């Protein structure tokens, strides 16, 4: 469908899909490291603290199996150790 052409005394508008992107780091996953179900994403704030920012959609099983093994277990000092992530809510400390 092509956009409407402006005509005098005719109201109308054009819509454009805008996509914004940003970089994020996979800080954790739901499911197992061998077959993750949903990557949990974080970004560093201005004070260089790693902050939870959101999650992706649930990965298809084939995709989870393909990327399985890429995430590494958390290292000592990871800021999310001890957190629990629920399926529909914000993360929290255990």
C-alpha atoms as a PDB file:
ATOM      1  CA  UNK A   1       0.000   0.000   0.000  1.00  0.00           C
ATOM      2  CA  UNK A   2       1.491   3.340  -0.978  1.00  0.00           C
ATOM      3  CA  UNK A   3       1.223   6.432   1.237  1.00  0.00           C
ATOM      4  CA  UNK A   4      -1.606   8.837   0.558  1.00  0.00           C
ATOM      5  CA  UNK A   5      -0.730  11.967  -1.356  1.00  0.00           C
ATOM      6  CA  UNK A   6      -1.500  15.314   0.281  1.00  0.00           C
ATOM      7  CA  UNK A   7      -4.613  16.948  -1.042  1.00  0.00           C
ATOM      8  CA  UNK A   8      -6.072  20.343  -0.129  1.00  0.00           C
ATOM      9  CA  UNK A   9      -8.778  20.222   2.560  1.00  0.00           C
ATOM     10  CA  UNK A  10      -8.029  16.566   3.225  1.00  0.00           C
ATOM     11  CA  UNK A  11      -6.867  15.394   6.616  1.00  0.00           C
ATOM     12  CA  UNK A  12      -4.434  12.544   6.757  1.00  0.00           C
ATOM     13  CA  UNK A  13      -1.041  11.471   7.920  1.00  0.00           C
ATOM     14  CA  UNK A  14       1.714   9.019   7.180  1.00  0.00           C
ATOM     15  CA  UNK A  15       2.997   6.547   9.713  1.00  0.00           C
ATOM     16  CA  UNK A  16       6.537   5.282   9.827  1.00  0.00           C
ATOM     17  CA  UNK A  17       7.895   2.436  11.860  1.00  0.00           C
ATOM     18  CA  UNK A  18      10.787   3.627  13.978  1.00  0.00           C
ATOM     19  CA  UNK A  19      13.210   1.117  15.394  1.00  0.00           C
ATOM     20  CA  UNK A  20      15.588   2.097  18.144  1.00  0.00           C
ATOM     21  CA  UNK A  21      18.433  -0.177  19.111  1.00  0.00           C
ATOM     22  CA  UNK A  22      20.874  -0.292  21.972  1.00  0.00           C
ATOM     23  CA  UNK A  23      23.599  -2.617  23.119  1.00  0.00           C
ATOM     24  CA  UNK A  24      23.051  -4.949  26.042  1.00  0.00           C
ATOM     25  CA  UNK A  25      24.917  -7.806  27.687  1.00  0.00           C
ATOM     26  CA  UNK A  26      23.429 -11.203  28.481  1.00  0.00           C
ATOM     27  CA  UNK A  27      23.812 -11.325  32.251  1.00  0.00           C
ATOM     28  CA  UNK A  28      21.783 -14.469  32.949  1.00  0.00           C
ATOM     29  CA  UNK A  29      19.347 -16.867  31.334  1.00  0.00           C
ATOM     30  CA  UNK A  30      16.184 -18.634  32.340  1.00  0.00           C
ATOM     31  CA  UNK A  31      16.346 -22.371  31.846  1.00  0.00           C
ATOM     32  CA  UNK A  32      19.706 -24.081  31.711  1.00  0.00           C
ATOM     33  CA  UNK A  33      22.975 -22.850  30.243  1.00  0.00           C
ATOM     34  CA  UNK A  34      22.866 -25.818  27.865  1.00  0.00           C
ATOM     35  CA  UNK A  35      19.441 -24.820  26.494  1.00  0.00           C
ATOM     36  CA  UNK A  36      18.508 -21.287  27.593  1.00  0.00           C
ATOM     37  CA  UNK A  37      14.861 -20.282  27.333  1.00  0.00           C
ATOM     38  CA  UNK A  38      15.159 -16.499  27.693  1.00  0.00           C
ATOM     39  CA  UNK A  39      18.286 -14.316  27.940  1.00  0.00           C
ATOM     40  CA  UNK A  40      18.183 -11.692  30.692  1.00  0.00           C
ATOM     41  CA  UNK A  41      19.855  -8.475  29.619  1.00  0.00           C
ATOM     42  CA  UNK A  42      21.806  -5.802  31.438  1.00  0.00           C
ATOM     43  CA  UNK A  43      23.655  -2.571  30.788  1.00  0.00           C
ATOM     44  CA  UNK A  44      26.264  -0.634  32.687  1.00  0.00           C
ATOM     45  CA  UNK A  45      25.011   2.599  34.243  1.00  0.00           C
ATOM     46  CA  UNK A  46      27.008   5.823  34.531  1.00  0.00           C
ATOM     47  CA  UNK A  47      28.661   4.533  37.718  1.00  0.00           C
ATOM     48  CA  UNK A  48      29.780   1.332  35.902  1.00  0.00           C
ATOM     49  CA  UNK A  49      27.295  -0.859  37.836  1.00  0.00           C
ATOM     50  CA  UNK A  50      25.743  -3.695  35.860  1.00  0.00           C
ATOM     51  CA  UNK A  51      21.969  -3.139  35.956  1.00  0.00           C
ATOM     52  CA  UNK A  52      19.157  -5.467  34.830  1.00  0.00           C
ATOM     53  CA  UNK A  53      17.272  -3.903  31.907  1.00  0.00           C
ATOM     54  CA  UNK A  54      14.967  -6.622  30.602  1.00  0.00           C
ATOM     55  CA  UNK A  55      14.629  -9.940  28.861  1.00  0.00           C
ATOM     56  CA  UNK A  56      14.151 -11.206  25.354  1.00  0.00           C
ATOM     57  CA  UNK A  57      11.180 -13.185  24.180  1.00  0.00           C
ATOM     58  CA  UNK A  58      11.266 -16.903  24.833  1.00  0.00           C
ATOM     59  CA  UNK A  59      13.668 -18.616  22.471  1.00  0.00           C
ATOM     60  CA  UNK A  60      12.464 -21.422  20.256  1.00  0.00           C
ATOM     61  CA  UNK A  61      13.864 -24.797  21.369  1.00  0.00           C
ATOM     62  CA  UNK A  62      16.050 -25.054  18.266  1.00  0.00           C
ATOM     63  CA  UNK A  63      17.535 -21.608  18.916  1.00  0.00           C
ATOM     64  CA  UNK A  64      18.065 -22.391  22.607  1.00  0.00           C
ATOM     65  CA  UNK A  65      19.886 -25.576  21.666  1.00  0.00           C
ATOM     66  CA  UNK A  66      21.999 -23.703  19.120  1.00  0.00           C
ATOM     67  CA  UNK A  67      23.126 -20.991  21.534  1.00  0.00           C
ATOM     68  CA  UNK A  68      23.359 -23.409  24.447  1.00  0.00           C
ATOM     69  CA  UNK A  69      26.872 -23.574  25.792  1.00  0.00           C
ATOM     70  CA  UNK A  70      27.701 -19.993  24.767  1.00  0.00           C
ATOM     71  CA  UNK A  71      26.764 -18.417  28.116  1.00  0.00           C
ATOM     72  CA  UNK A  72      29.324 -19.060  30.846  1.00  0.00           C
ATOM     73  CA  UNK A  73      28.469 -19.725  34.492  1.00  0.00           C
ATOM     74  CA  UNK A  74      28.552 -16.560  36.624  1.00  0.00           C
ATOM     75  CA  UNK A  75      31.916 -15.538  37.993  1.00  0.00           C
ATOM     76  CA  UNK A  76      32.574 -14.595  41.541  1.00  0.00           C
ATOM     77  CA  UNK A  77      31.307 -11.085  42.187  1.00  0.00           C
ATOM     78  CA  UNK A  78      28.581 -11.153  39.509  1.00  0.00           C
ATOM     79  CA  UNK A  79      26.032  -8.549  40.679  1.00  0.00           C
ATOM     80  CA  UNK A  80      23.032 -10.805  40.035  1.00  0.00           C
ATOM     81  CA  UNK A  81      24.157 -13.808  42.110  1.00  0.00           C
ATOM     82  CA  UNK A  82      21.390 -14.550  44.582  1.00  0.00           C
ATOM     83  CA  UNK A  83      18.672 -12.892  42.509  1.00  0.00           C
ATOM     84  CA  UNK A  84      15.575 -14.748  41.387  1.00  0.00           C
ATOM     85  CA  UNK A  85      13.845 -13.929  38.135  1.00  0.00           C
ATOM     86  CA  UNK A  86      10.156 -14.729  37.780  1.00  0.00           C
ATOM     87  CA  UNK A  87       8.404 -15.300  34.486  1.00  0.00           C
ATOM     88  CA  UNK A  88       6.327 -12.133  34.632  1.00  0.00           C
ATOM     89  CA  UNK A  89       7.847  -9.799  37.159  1.00  0.00           C
ATOM     90  CA  UNK A  90      10.886  -7.781  37.968  1.00  0.00           C
ATOM     91  CA  UNK A  91      13.956  -9.433  39.462  1.00  0.00           C
ATOM     92  CA  UNK A  92      14.503  -9.443  43.192  1.00  0.00           C
ATOM     93  CA  UNK A  93      16.960 -10.568  45.813  1.00  0.00           C
ATOM     94  CA  UNK A  94      16.459 -13.966  47.389  1.00  0.00           C
END
